[in-house]
Amino acid sequence: MSVVKLTAESFEEEVLKEKKPVLIDFWAAWCGPCKMLSPVVDALAEERDDIKVCKVNVDEQSEIAEKFNIMTIPTLMVFKDGVMVHTSVGVKTKAEILAFIGV
């Protein structure tokens, strides 16, 4: 499964109504640590069909970033059954992200 690029319009359908756990990567093109994390997040999207992986470009989708008080990037969030259950800031390994998601 590929990464889903979230917008304010698609957020409810893609995240809040999803039955699988949803991992969201909040990032920006100018962010060095985000560039380090991006291939790890992309790999998870390709390798795992038991989770949905989404990305939010905070510069393009500031409404979503503001809604969740994103102050530092990269920030990862996990949603289960439409509820945000975990937040993590900074670069993580694939194993750390999977443990964070709980799968």
PDB file of N, CA and C in Angstrom:
ATOM      1  N   MET A   1       0.851  -1.181   0.000  1.00  0.00           N
ATOM      2  CA  MET A   1       0.000   0.000   0.000  1.00  0.00           C
ATOM      3  C   MET A   1       0.891   1.237   0.000  1.00  0.00           C
ATOM      4  N   SER A   2       0.508   2.230  -0.736  1.00  0.00           N
ATOM      5  CA  SER A   2       1.331   3.430  -0.799  1.00  0.00           C
ATOM      6  C   SER A   2       0.904   4.437   0.265  1.00  0.00           C
ATOM      7  N   VAL A   3       1.740   5.445   0.454  1.00  0.00           N
ATOM      8  CA  VAL A   3       1.474   6.505   1.416  1.00  0.00           C
ATOM      9  C   VAL A   3       0.321   7.365   0.916  1.00  0.00           C
ATOM     10  N   VAL A   4      -0.577   7.717   1.822  1.00  0.00           N
ATOM     11  CA  VAL A   4      -1.709   8.582   1.505  1.00  0.00           C
ATOM     12  C   VAL A   4      -1.348  10.007   1.933  1.00  0.00           C
ATOM     13  N   LYS A   5      -1.449  10.943   1.012  1.00  0.00           N
ATOM     14  CA  LYS A   5      -1.195  12.352   1.333  1.00  0.00           C
ATOM     15  C   LYS A   5      -2.501  12.967   1.824  1.00  0.00           C
ATOM     16  N   LEU A   6      -2.496  13.362   3.086  1.00  0.00           N
ATOM     17  CA  LEU A   6      -3.715  13.885   3.700  1.00  0.00           C
ATOM     18  C   LEU A   6      -3.921  15.363   3.411  1.00  0.00           C
ATOM     19  N   THR A   7      -5.194  15.712   3.281  1.00  0.00           N
ATOM     20  CA  THR A   7      -5.614  17.106   3.202  1.00  0.00           C
ATOM     21  C   THR A   7      -6.689  17.310   4.255  1.00  0.00           C
ATOM     22  N   ALA A   8      -7.028  18.562   4.504  1.00  0.00           N
ATOM     23  CA  ALA A   8      -8.095  18.850   5.463  1.00  0.00           C
ATOM     24  C   ALA A   8      -9.396  18.190   5.017  1.00  0.00           C
ATOM     25  N   GLU A   9      -9.602  18.137   3.711  1.00  0.00           N
ATOM     26  CA  GLU A   9     -10.827  17.558   3.165  1.00  0.00           C
ATOM     27  C   GLU A   9     -10.864  16.031   3.292  1.00  0.00           C
ATOM     28  N   SER A  10      -9.718  15.384   3.208  1.00  0.00           N
ATOM     29  CA  SER A  10      -9.685  13.918   3.218  1.00  0.00           C
ATOM     30  C   SER A  10      -9.440  13.323   4.608  1.00  0.00           C
ATOM     31  N   PHE A  11      -9.118  14.153   5.584  1.00  0.00           N
ATOM     32  CA  PHE A  11      -8.693  13.654   6.890  1.00  0.00           C
ATOM     33  C   PHE A  11      -9.733  12.749   7.543  1.00  0.00           C
ATOM     34  N   GLU A  12     -10.968  13.179   7.578  1.00  0.00           N
ATOM     35  CA  GLU A  12     -12.000  12.383   8.250  1.00  0.00           C
ATOM     36  C   GLU A  12     -12.141  11.010   7.611  1.00  0.00           C
ATOM     37  N   GLU A  13     -12.238  10.973   6.292  1.00  0.00           N
ATOM     38  CA  GLU A  13     -12.427   9.706   5.578  1.00  0.00           C
ATOM     39  C   GLU A  13     -11.209   8.792   5.703  1.00  0.00           C
ATOM     40  N   GLU A  14     -10.028   9.356   5.528  1.00  0.00           N
ATOM     41  CA  GLU A  14      -8.791   8.559   5.501  1.00  0.00           C
ATOM     42  C   GLU A  14      -8.306   8.133   6.886  1.00  0.00           C
ATOM     43  N   VAL A  15      -8.602   8.926   7.912  1.00  0.00           N
ATOM     44  CA  VAL A  15      -8.065   8.656   9.252  1.00  0.00           C
ATOM     45  C   VAL A  15      -9.163   8.282  10.241  1.00  0.00           C
ATOM     46  N   LEU A  16     -10.121   9.152  10.417  1.00  0.00           N
ATOM     47  CA  LEU A  16     -11.114   8.959  11.482  1.00  0.00           C
ATOM     48  C   LEU A  16     -12.053   7.790  11.220  1.00  0.00           C
ATOM     49  N   LYS A  17     -12.308   7.465   9.963  1.00  0.00           N
ATOM     50  CA  LYS A  17     -13.213   6.358   9.637  1.00  0.00           C
ATOM     51  C   LYS A  17     -12.477   5.060   9.323  1.00  0.00           C
ATOM     52  N   GLU A  18     -11.148   5.076   9.348  1.00  0.00           N
ATOM     53  CA  GLU A  18     -10.346   3.893   9.007  1.00  0.00           C
ATOM     54  C   GLU A  18     -10.409   2.858  10.132  1.00  0.00           C
ATOM     55  N   LYS A  19     -10.540   1.590   9.767  1.00  0.00           N
ATOM     56  CA  LYS A  19     -10.593   0.504  10.751  1.00  0.00           C
ATOM     57  C   LYS A  19      -9.200   0.056  11.193  1.00  0.00           C
ATOM     58  N   LYS A  20      -8.205   0.153  10.298  1.00  0.00           N
ATOM     59  CA  LYS A  20      -6.830  -0.224  10.638  1.00  0.00           C
ATOM     60  C   LYS A  20      -6.165   0.913  11.413  1.00  0.00           C
ATOM     61  N   PRO A  21      -5.102   0.604  12.172  1.00  0.00           N
ATOM     62  CA  PRO A  21      -4.318   1.683  12.780  1.00  0.00           C
ATOM     63  C   PRO A  21      -3.764   2.586  11.676  1.00  0.00           C
ATOM     64  N   VAL A  22      -3.732   3.898  11.958  1.00  0.00           N
ATOM     65  CA  VAL A  22      -3.239   4.877  10.997  1.00  0.00           C
ATOM     66  C   VAL A  22      -2.015   5.572  11.578  1.00  0.00           C
ATOM     67  N   LEU A  23      -0.914   5.538  10.832  1.00  0.00           N
ATOM     68  CA  LEU A  23       0.303   6.256  11.189  1.00  0.00           C
ATOM     69  C   LEU A  23       0.353   7.517  10.339  1.00  0.00           C
ATOM     70  N   ILE A  24       0.488   8.667  10.980  1.00  0.00           N
ATOM     71  CA  ILE A  24       0.594   9.932  10.258  1.00  0.00           C
ATOM     72  C   ILE A  24       1.966  10.538  10.517  1.00  0.00           C
ATOM     73  N   ASP A  25       2.639  10.905   9.444  1.00  0.00           N
ATOM     74  CA  ASP A  25       3.937  11.568   9.494  1.00  0.00           C
ATOM     75  C   ASP A  25       3.718  13.040   9.140  1.00  0.00           C
ATOM     76  N   PHE A  26       3.927  13.931  10.114  1.00  0.00           N
ATOM     77  CA  PHE A  26       3.873  15.369   9.869  1.00  0.00           C
ATOM     78  C   PHE A  26       5.289  15.815   9.501  1.00  0.00           C
ATOM     79  N   TRP A  27       5.456  16.440   8.337  1.00  0.00           N
ATOM     80  CA  TRP A  27       6.777  16.731   7.805  1.00  0.00           C
ATOM     81  C   TRP A  27       6.755  18.034   6.996  1.00  0.00           C
ATOM     82  N   ALA A  28       7.957  18.468   6.565  1.00  0.00           N
ATOM     83  CA  ALA A  28       8.098  19.596   5.640  1.00  0.00           C
ATOM     84  C   ALA A  28       9.321  19.340   4.766  1.00  0.00           C
ATOM     85  N   ALA A  29       9.296  19.880   3.558  1.00  0.00           N
ATOM     86  CA  ALA A  29      10.372  19.647   2.591  1.00  0.00           C
ATOM     87  C   ALA A  29      11.710  20.209   3.067  1.00  0.00           C
ATOM     88  N   TRP A  30      11.709  21.244   3.858  1.00  0.00           N
ATOM     89  CA  TRP A  30      12.930  21.899   4.319  1.00  0.00           C
ATOM     90  C   TRP A  30      13.532  21.261   5.573  1.00  0.00           C
ATOM     91  N   CYS A  31      12.877  20.275   6.122  1.00  0.00           N
ATOM     92  CA  CYS A  31      13.255  19.669   7.408  1.00  0.00           C
ATOM     93  C   CYS A  31      14.226  18.496   7.206  1.00  0.00           C
ATOM     94  N   GLY A  32      15.459  18.648   7.670  1.00  0.00           N
ATOM     95  CA  GLY A  32      16.469  17.592   7.536  1.00  0.00           C
ATOM     96  C   GLY A  32      16.075  16.285   8.204  1.00  0.00           C
ATOM     97  N   PRO A  33      15.664  16.304   9.485  1.00  0.00           N
ATOM     98  CA  PRO A  33      15.243  15.062  10.131  1.00  0.00           C
ATOM     99  C   PRO A  33      14.049  14.404   9.425  1.00  0.00           C
ATOM    100  N   CYS A  34      13.169  15.221   8.845  1.00  0.00           N
ATOM    101  CA  CYS A  34      12.024  14.673   8.101  1.00  0.00           C
ATOM    102  C   CYS A  34      12.513  13.864   6.897  1.00  0.00           C
ATOM    103  N   LYS A  35      13.561  14.373   6.245  1.00  0.00           N
ATOM    104  CA  LYS A  35      14.130  13.667   5.086  1.00  0.00           C
ATOM    105  C   LYS A  35      14.756  12.346   5.508  1.00  0.00           C
ATOM    106  N   MET A  36      15.277  12.282   6.730  1.00  0.00           N
ATOM    107  CA  MET A  36      15.848  11.031   7.247  1.00  0.00           C
ATOM    108  C   MET A  36      14.743  10.025   7.563  1.00  0.00           C
ATOM    109  N   LEU A  37      13.621  10.501   8.079  1.00  0.00           N
ATOM    110  CA  LEU A  37      12.522   9.622   8.486  1.00  0.00           C
ATOM    111  C   LEU A  37      11.673   9.150   7.303  1.00  0.00           C
ATOM    112  N   SER A  38      11.582   9.960   6.276  1.00  0.00           N
ATOM    113  CA  SER A  38      10.686   9.681   5.154  1.00  0.00           C
ATOM    114  C   SER A  38      10.872   8.300   4.524  1.00  0.00           C
ATOM    115  N   PRO A  39      12.108   7.851   4.231  1.00  0.00           N
ATOM    116  CA  PRO A  39      12.255   6.511   3.642  1.00  0.00           C
ATOM    117  C   PRO A  39      11.780   5.390   4.557  1.00  0.00           C
ATOM    118  N   VAL A  40      11.890   5.579   5.857  1.00  0.00           N
ATOM    119  CA  VAL A  40      11.432   4.577   6.820  1.00  0.00           C
ATOM    120  C   VAL A  40       9.908   4.492   6.779  1.00  0.00           C
ATOM    121  N   VAL A  41       9.258   5.641   6.765  1.00  0.00           N
ATOM    122  CA  VAL A  41       7.796   5.690   6.704  1.00  0.00           C
ATOM    123  C   VAL A  41       7.306   5.103   5.378  1.00  0.00           C
ATOM    124  N   ASP A  42       7.979   5.465   4.287  1.00  0.00           N
ATOM    125  CA  ASP A  42       7.613   4.933   2.964  1.00  0.00           C
ATOM    126  C   ASP A  42       7.741   3.412   2.928  1.00  0.00           C
ATOM    127  N   ALA A  43       8.801   2.881   3.525  1.00  0.00           N
ATOM    128  CA  ALA A  43       9.014   1.431   3.554  1.00  0.00           C
ATOM    129  C   ALA A  43       7.900   0.736   4.334  1.00  0.00           C
ATOM    130  N   LEU A  44       7.497   1.325   5.449  1.00  0.00           N
ATOM    131  CA  LEU A  44       6.398   0.737   6.224  1.00  0.00           C
ATOM    132  C   LEU A  44       5.120   0.679   5.396  1.00  0.00           C
ATOM    133  N   ALA A  45       4.864   1.728   4.632  1.00  0.00           N
ATOM    134  CA  ALA A  45       3.664   1.757   3.795  1.00  0.00           C
ATOM    135  C   ALA A  45       3.688   0.634   2.768  1.00  0.00           C
ATOM    136  N   GLU A  46       4.851   0.364   2.215  1.00  0.00           N
ATOM    137  CA  GLU A  46       4.980  -0.679   1.198  1.00  0.00           C
ATOM    138  C   GLU A  46       4.951  -2.090   1.790  1.00  0.00           C
ATOM    139  N   GLU A  47       5.505  -2.243   2.987  1.00  0.00           N
ATOM    140  CA  GLU A  47       5.684  -3.568   3.577  1.00  0.00           C
ATOM    141  C   GLU A  47       4.493  -4.051   4.403  1.00  0.00           C
ATOM    142  N   ARG A  48       3.729  -3.141   4.951  1.00  0.00           N
ATOM    143  CA  ARG A  48       2.681  -3.528   5.900  1.00  0.00           C
ATOM    144  C   ARG A  48       1.307  -3.204   5.345  1.00  0.00           C
ATOM    145  N   ASP A  49       0.443  -4.219   5.286  1.00  0.00           N
ATOM    146  CA  ASP A  49      -0.934  -3.949   4.861  1.00  0.00           C
ATOM    147  C   ASP A  49      -1.886  -3.928   6.054  1.00  0.00           C
ATOM    148  N   ASP A  50      -1.338  -4.091   7.263  1.00  0.00           N
ATOM    149  CA  ASP A  50      -2.174  -4.059   8.461  1.00  0.00           C
ATOM    150  C   ASP A  50      -2.241  -2.664   9.089  1.00  0.00           C
ATOM    151  N   ILE A  51      -1.540  -1.704   8.478  1.00  0.00           N
ATOM    152  CA  ILE A  51      -1.616  -0.313   8.927  1.00  0.00           C
ATOM    153  C   ILE A  51      -1.781   0.587   7.704  1.00  0.00           C
ATOM    154  N   LYS A  52      -2.372   1.740   7.925  1.00  0.00           N
ATOM    155  CA  LYS A  52      -2.467   2.758   6.869  1.00  0.00           C
ATOM    156  C   LYS A  52      -1.435   3.823   7.209  1.00  0.00           C
ATOM    157  N   VAL A  53      -0.647   4.222   6.222  1.00  0.00           N
ATOM    158  CA  VAL A  53       0.396   5.215   6.432  1.00  0.00           C
ATOM    159  C   VAL A  53       0.043   6.478   5.654  1.00  0.00           C
ATOM    160  N   CYS A  54       0.040   7.598   6.363  1.00  0.00           N
ATOM    161  CA  CYS A  54      -0.322   8.879   5.763  1.00  0.00           C
ATOM    162  C   CYS A  54       0.754   9.913   6.076  1.00  0.00           C
ATOM    163  N   LYS A  55       0.802  10.950   5.243  1.00  0.00           N
ATOM    164  CA  LYS A  55       1.722  12.061   5.477  1.00  0.00           C
ATOM    165  C   LYS A  55       0.959  13.372   5.374  1.00  0.00           C
ATOM    166  N   VAL A  56       1.408  14.322   6.198  1.00  0.00           N
ATOM    167  CA  VAL A  56       0.871  15.676   6.162  1.00  0.00           C
ATOM    168  C   VAL A  56       2.040  16.633   5.997  1.00  0.00           C
ATOM    169  N   ASN A  57       2.073  17.351   4.880  1.00  0.00           N
ATOM    170  CA  ASN A  57       3.055  18.410   4.680  1.00  0.00           C
ATOM    171  C   ASN A  57       2.538  19.616   5.460  1.00  0.00           C
ATOM    172  N   VAL A  58       3.230  19.983   6.528  1.00  0.00           N
ATOM    173  CA  VAL A  58       2.735  21.030   7.422  1.00  0.00           C
ATOM    174  C   VAL A  58       2.689  22.399   6.747  1.00  0.00           C
ATOM    175  N   ASP A  59       3.493  22.609   5.719  1.00  0.00           N
ATOM    176  CA  ASP A  59       3.454  23.887   5.000  1.00  0.00           C
ATOM    177  C   ASP A  59       2.231  23.974   4.093  1.00  0.00           C
ATOM    178  N   GLU A  60       1.831  22.853   3.526  1.00  0.00           N
ATOM    179  CA  GLU A  60       0.687  22.838   2.612  1.00  0.00           C
ATOM    180  C   GLU A  60      -0.635  22.608   3.337  1.00  0.00           C
ATOM    181  N   GLN A  61      -0.594  21.930   4.473  1.00  0.00           N
ATOM    182  CA  GLN A  61      -1.814  21.579   5.224  1.00  0.00           C
ATOM    183  C   GLN A  61      -1.723  22.115   6.649  1.00  0.00           C
ATOM    184  N   SER A  62      -1.519  23.415   6.766  1.00  0.00           N
ATOM    185  CA  SER A  62      -1.329  24.020   8.089  1.00  0.00           C
ATOM    186  C   SER A  62      -2.559  23.860   8.981  1.00  0.00           C
ATOM    187  N   GLU A  63      -3.736  23.747   8.376  1.00  0.00           N
ATOM    188  CA  GLU A  63      -4.965  23.575   9.158  1.00  0.00           C
ATOM    189  C   GLU A  63      -4.903  22.294  10.000  1.00  0.00           C
ATOM    190  N   ILE A  64      -4.409  21.207   9.402  1.00  0.00           N
ATOM    191  CA  ILE A  64      -4.293  19.938  10.141  1.00  0.00           C
ATOM    192  C   ILE A  64      -3.216  20.059  11.214  1.00  0.00           C
ATOM    193  N   ALA A  65      -2.071  20.651  10.853  1.00  0.00           N
ATOM    194  CA  ALA A  65      -0.975  20.815  11.814  1.00  0.00           C
ATOM    195  C   ALA A  65      -1.421  21.644  13.008  1.00  0.00           C
ATOM    196  N   GLU A  66      -2.167  22.697  12.758  1.00  0.00           N
ATOM    197  CA  GLU A  66      -2.660  23.544  13.852  1.00  0.00           C
ATOM    198  C   GLU A  66      -3.668  22.805  14.718  1.00  0.00           C
ATOM    199  N   LYS A  67      -4.527  22.011  14.094  1.00  0.00           N
ATOM    200  CA  LYS A  67      -5.544  21.264  14.846  1.00  0.00           C
ATOM    201  C   LYS A  67      -4.903  20.342  15.887  1.00  0.00           C
ATOM    202  N   PHE A  68      -3.734  19.770  15.538  1.00  0.00           N
ATOM    203  CA  PHE A  68      -3.066  18.837  16.442  1.00  0.00           C
ATOM    204  C   PHE A  68      -1.853  19.458  17.148  1.00  0.00           C
ATOM    205  N   ASN A  69      -1.775  20.790  17.107  1.00  0.00           N
ATOM    206  CA  ASN A  69      -0.714  21.532  17.807  1.00  0.00           C
ATOM    207  C   ASN A  69       0.692  21.035  17.469  1.00  0.00           C
ATOM    208  N   ILE A  70       0.932  20.789  16.191  1.00  0.00           N
ATOM    209  CA  ILE A  70       2.251  20.333  15.764  1.00  0.00           C
ATOM    210  C   ILE A  70       3.214  21.514  15.839  1.00  0.00           C
ATOM    211  N   MET A  71       4.185  21.439  16.744  1.00  0.00           N
ATOM    212  CA  MET A  71       5.160  22.505  16.933  1.00  0.00           C
ATOM    213  C   MET A  71       6.553  22.099  16.459  1.00  0.00           C
ATOM    214  N   THR A  72       6.802  20.791  16.425  1.00  0.00           N
ATOM    215  CA  THR A  72       8.103  20.257  16.045  1.00  0.00           C
ATOM    216  C   THR A  72       7.882  19.144  15.039  1.00  0.00           C
ATOM    217  N   ILE A  73       8.742  19.112  14.021  1.00  0.00           N
ATOM    218  CA  ILE A  73       8.659  18.029  13.032  1.00  0.00           C
ATOM    219  C   ILE A  73      10.027  17.379  12.902  1.00  0.00           C
ATOM    220  N   PRO A  74      10.062  16.107  12.537  1.00  0.00           N
ATOM    221  CA  PRO A  74       8.927  15.251  12.244  1.00  0.00           C
ATOM    222  C   PRO A  74       8.174  14.830  13.509  1.00  0.00           C
ATOM    223  N   THR A  75       6.873  14.787  13.379  1.00  0.00           N
ATOM    224  CA  THR A  75       6.008  14.258  14.429  1.00  0.00           C
ATOM    225  C   THR A  75       5.228  13.094  13.837  1.00  0.00           C
ATOM    226  N   LEU A  76       5.189  11.997  14.562  1.00  0.00           N
ATOM    227  CA  LEU A  76       4.385  10.843  14.172  1.00  0.00           C
ATOM    228  C   LEU A  76       3.201  10.742  15.120  1.00  0.00           C
ATOM    229  N   MET A  77       2.035  10.426  14.564  1.00  0.00           N
ATOM    230  CA  MET A  77       0.840  10.185  15.374  1.00  0.00           C
ATOM    231  C   MET A  77       0.223   8.873  14.941  1.00  0.00           C
ATOM    232  N   VAL A  78      -0.349   8.171  15.910  1.00  0.00           N
ATOM    233  CA  VAL A  78      -1.066   6.938  15.626  1.00  0.00           C
ATOM    234  C   VAL A  78      -2.522   7.127  16.038  1.00  0.00           C
ATOM    235  N   PHE A  79      -3.405   6.787  15.104  1.00  0.00           N
ATOM    236  CA  PHE A  79      -4.844   6.814  15.362  1.00  0.00           C
ATOM    237  C   PHE A  79      -5.367   5.385  15.317  1.00  0.00           C
ATOM    238  N   LYS A  80      -6.213   5.050  16.275  1.00  0.00           N
ATOM    239  CA  LYS A  80      -6.903   3.757  16.279  1.00  0.00           C
ATOM    240  C   LYS A  80      -8.380   4.027  16.512  1.00  0.00           C
ATOM    241  N   ASP A  81      -9.209   3.482  15.637  1.00  0.00           N
ATOM    242  CA  ASP A  81     -10.656   3.681  15.718  1.00  0.00           C
ATOM    243  C   ASP A  81     -11.024   5.162  15.796  1.00  0.00           C
ATOM    244  N   GLY A  82     -10.306   5.981  15.018  1.00  0.00           N
ATOM    245  CA  GLY A  82     -10.620   7.401  14.939  1.00  0.00           C
ATOM    246  C   GLY A  82     -10.119   8.253  16.086  1.00  0.00           C
ATOM    247  N   VAL A  83      -9.338   7.656  16.987  1.00  0.00           N
ATOM    248  CA  VAL A  83      -8.841   8.381  18.154  1.00  0.00           C
ATOM    249  C   VAL A  83      -7.311   8.387  18.131  1.00  0.00           C
ATOM    250  N   MET A  84      -6.731   9.565  18.375  1.00  0.00           N
ATOM    251  CA  MET A  84      -5.275   9.658  18.449  1.00  0.00           C
ATOM    252  C   MET A  84      -4.817   9.015  19.758  1.00  0.00           C
ATOM    253  N   VAL A  85      -3.939   7.996  19.638  1.00  0.00           N
ATOM    254  CA  VAL A  85      -3.524   7.245  20.821  1.00  0.00           C
ATOM    255  C   VAL A  85      -2.055   7.414  21.182  1.00  0.00           C
ATOM    256  N   HIS A  86      -1.222   7.839  20.220  1.00  0.00           N
ATOM    257  CA  HIS A  86       0.208   8.027  20.493  1.00  0.00           C
ATOM    258  C   HIS A  86       0.757   9.163  19.649  1.00  0.00           C
ATOM    259  N   THR A  87       1.742   9.856  20.222  1.00  0.00           N
ATOM    260  CA  THR A  87       2.475  10.895  19.502  1.00  0.00           C
ATOM    261  C   THR A  87       3.951  10.723  19.803  1.00  0.00           C
ATOM    262  N   SER A  88       4.781  10.950  18.800  1.00  0.00           N
ATOM    263  CA  SER A  88       6.225  10.855  18.963  1.00  0.00           C
ATOM    264  C   SER A  88       6.884  11.920  18.102  1.00  0.00           C
ATOM    265  N   VAL A  89       7.907  12.569  18.646  1.00  0.00           N
ATOM    266  CA  VAL A  89       8.627  13.602  17.913  1.00  0.00           C
ATOM    267  C   VAL A  89      10.051  13.125  17.648  1.00  0.00           C
ATOM    268  N   GLY A  90      10.524  13.342  16.416  1.00  0.00           N
ATOM    269  CA  GLY A  90      11.904  13.010  16.063  1.00  0.00           C
ATOM    270  C   GLY A  90      11.995  11.773  15.197  1.00  0.00           C
ATOM    271  N   VAL A  91      13.218  11.492  14.777  1.00  0.00           N
ATOM    272  CA  VAL A  91      13.490  10.365  13.895  1.00  0.00           C
ATOM    273  C   VAL A  91      13.450   9.063  14.692  1.00  0.00           C
ATOM    274  N   LYS A  92      12.819   8.055  14.127  1.00  0.00           N
ATOM    275  CA  LYS A  92      12.701   6.733  14.755  1.00  0.00           C
ATOM    276  C   LYS A  92      13.102   5.652  13.749  1.00  0.00           C
ATOM    277  N   THR A  93      13.517   4.512  14.267  1.00  0.00           N
ATOM    278  CA  THR A  93      13.787   3.364  13.403  1.00  0.00           C
ATOM    279  C   THR A  93      12.462   2.683  13.064  1.00  0.00           C
ATOM    280  N   LYS A  94      12.502   1.797  12.095  1.00  0.00           N
ATOM    281  CA  LYS A  94      11.305   1.047  11.718  1.00  0.00           C
ATOM    282  C   LYS A  94      10.788   0.239  12.907  1.00  0.00           C
ATOM    283  N   ALA A  95      11.690  -0.408  13.636  1.00  0.00           N
ATOM    284  CA  ALA A  95      11.285  -1.214  14.801  1.00  0.00           C
ATOM    285  C   ALA A  95      10.644  -0.336  15.868  1.00  0.00           C
ATOM    286  N   GLU A  96      11.198   0.845  16.096  1.00  0.00           N
ATOM    287  CA  GLU A  96      10.635   1.760  17.095  1.00  0.00           C
ATOM    288  C   GLU A  96       9.230   2.213  16.670  1.00  0.00           C
ATOM    289  N   ILE A  97       9.046   2.465  15.380  1.00  0.00           N
ATOM    290  CA  ILE A  97       7.737   2.898  14.892  1.00  0.00           C
ATOM    291  C   ILE A  97       6.723   1.777  15.022  1.00  0.00           C
ATOM    292  N   LEU A  98       7.110   0.557  14.669  1.00  0.00           N
ATOM    293  CA  LEU A  98       6.182  -0.575  14.792  1.00  0.00           C
ATOM    294  C   LEU A  98       5.790  -0.806  16.250  1.00  0.00           C
ATOM    295  N   ALA A  99       6.733  -0.676  17.170  1.00  0.00           N
ATOM    296  CA  ALA A  99       6.427  -0.831  18.586  1.00  0.00           C
ATOM    297  C   ALA A  99       5.490   0.292  19.046  1.00  0.00           C
ATOM    298  N   PHE A 100       5.737   1.484  18.537  1.00  0.00           N
ATOM    299  CA  PHE A 100       4.934   2.664  18.844  1.00  0.00           C
ATOM    300  C   PHE A 100       3.487   2.475  18.373  1.00  0.00           C
ATOM    301  N   ILE A 101       3.322   1.865  17.183  1.00  0.00           N
ATOM    302  CA  ILE A 101       1.996   1.602  16.645  1.00  0.00           C
ATOM    303  C   ILE A 101       1.319   0.471  17.424  1.00  0.00           C
ATOM    304  N   GLY A 102       2.126  -0.481  17.865  1.00  0.00           N
ATOM    305  CA  GLY A 102       1.585  -1.618  18.612  1.00  0.00           C
ATOM    306  C   GLY A 102       1.153  -2.761  17.735  1.00  0.00           C
ATOM    307  N   VAL A 103       1.850  -2.938  16.602  1.00  0.00           N
ATOM    308  CA  VAL A 103       1.532  -4.061  15.705  1.00  0.00           C
ATOM    309  C   VAL A 103       2.696  -5.030  15.639  1.00  0.00           C
TER     310      VAL A 103
END
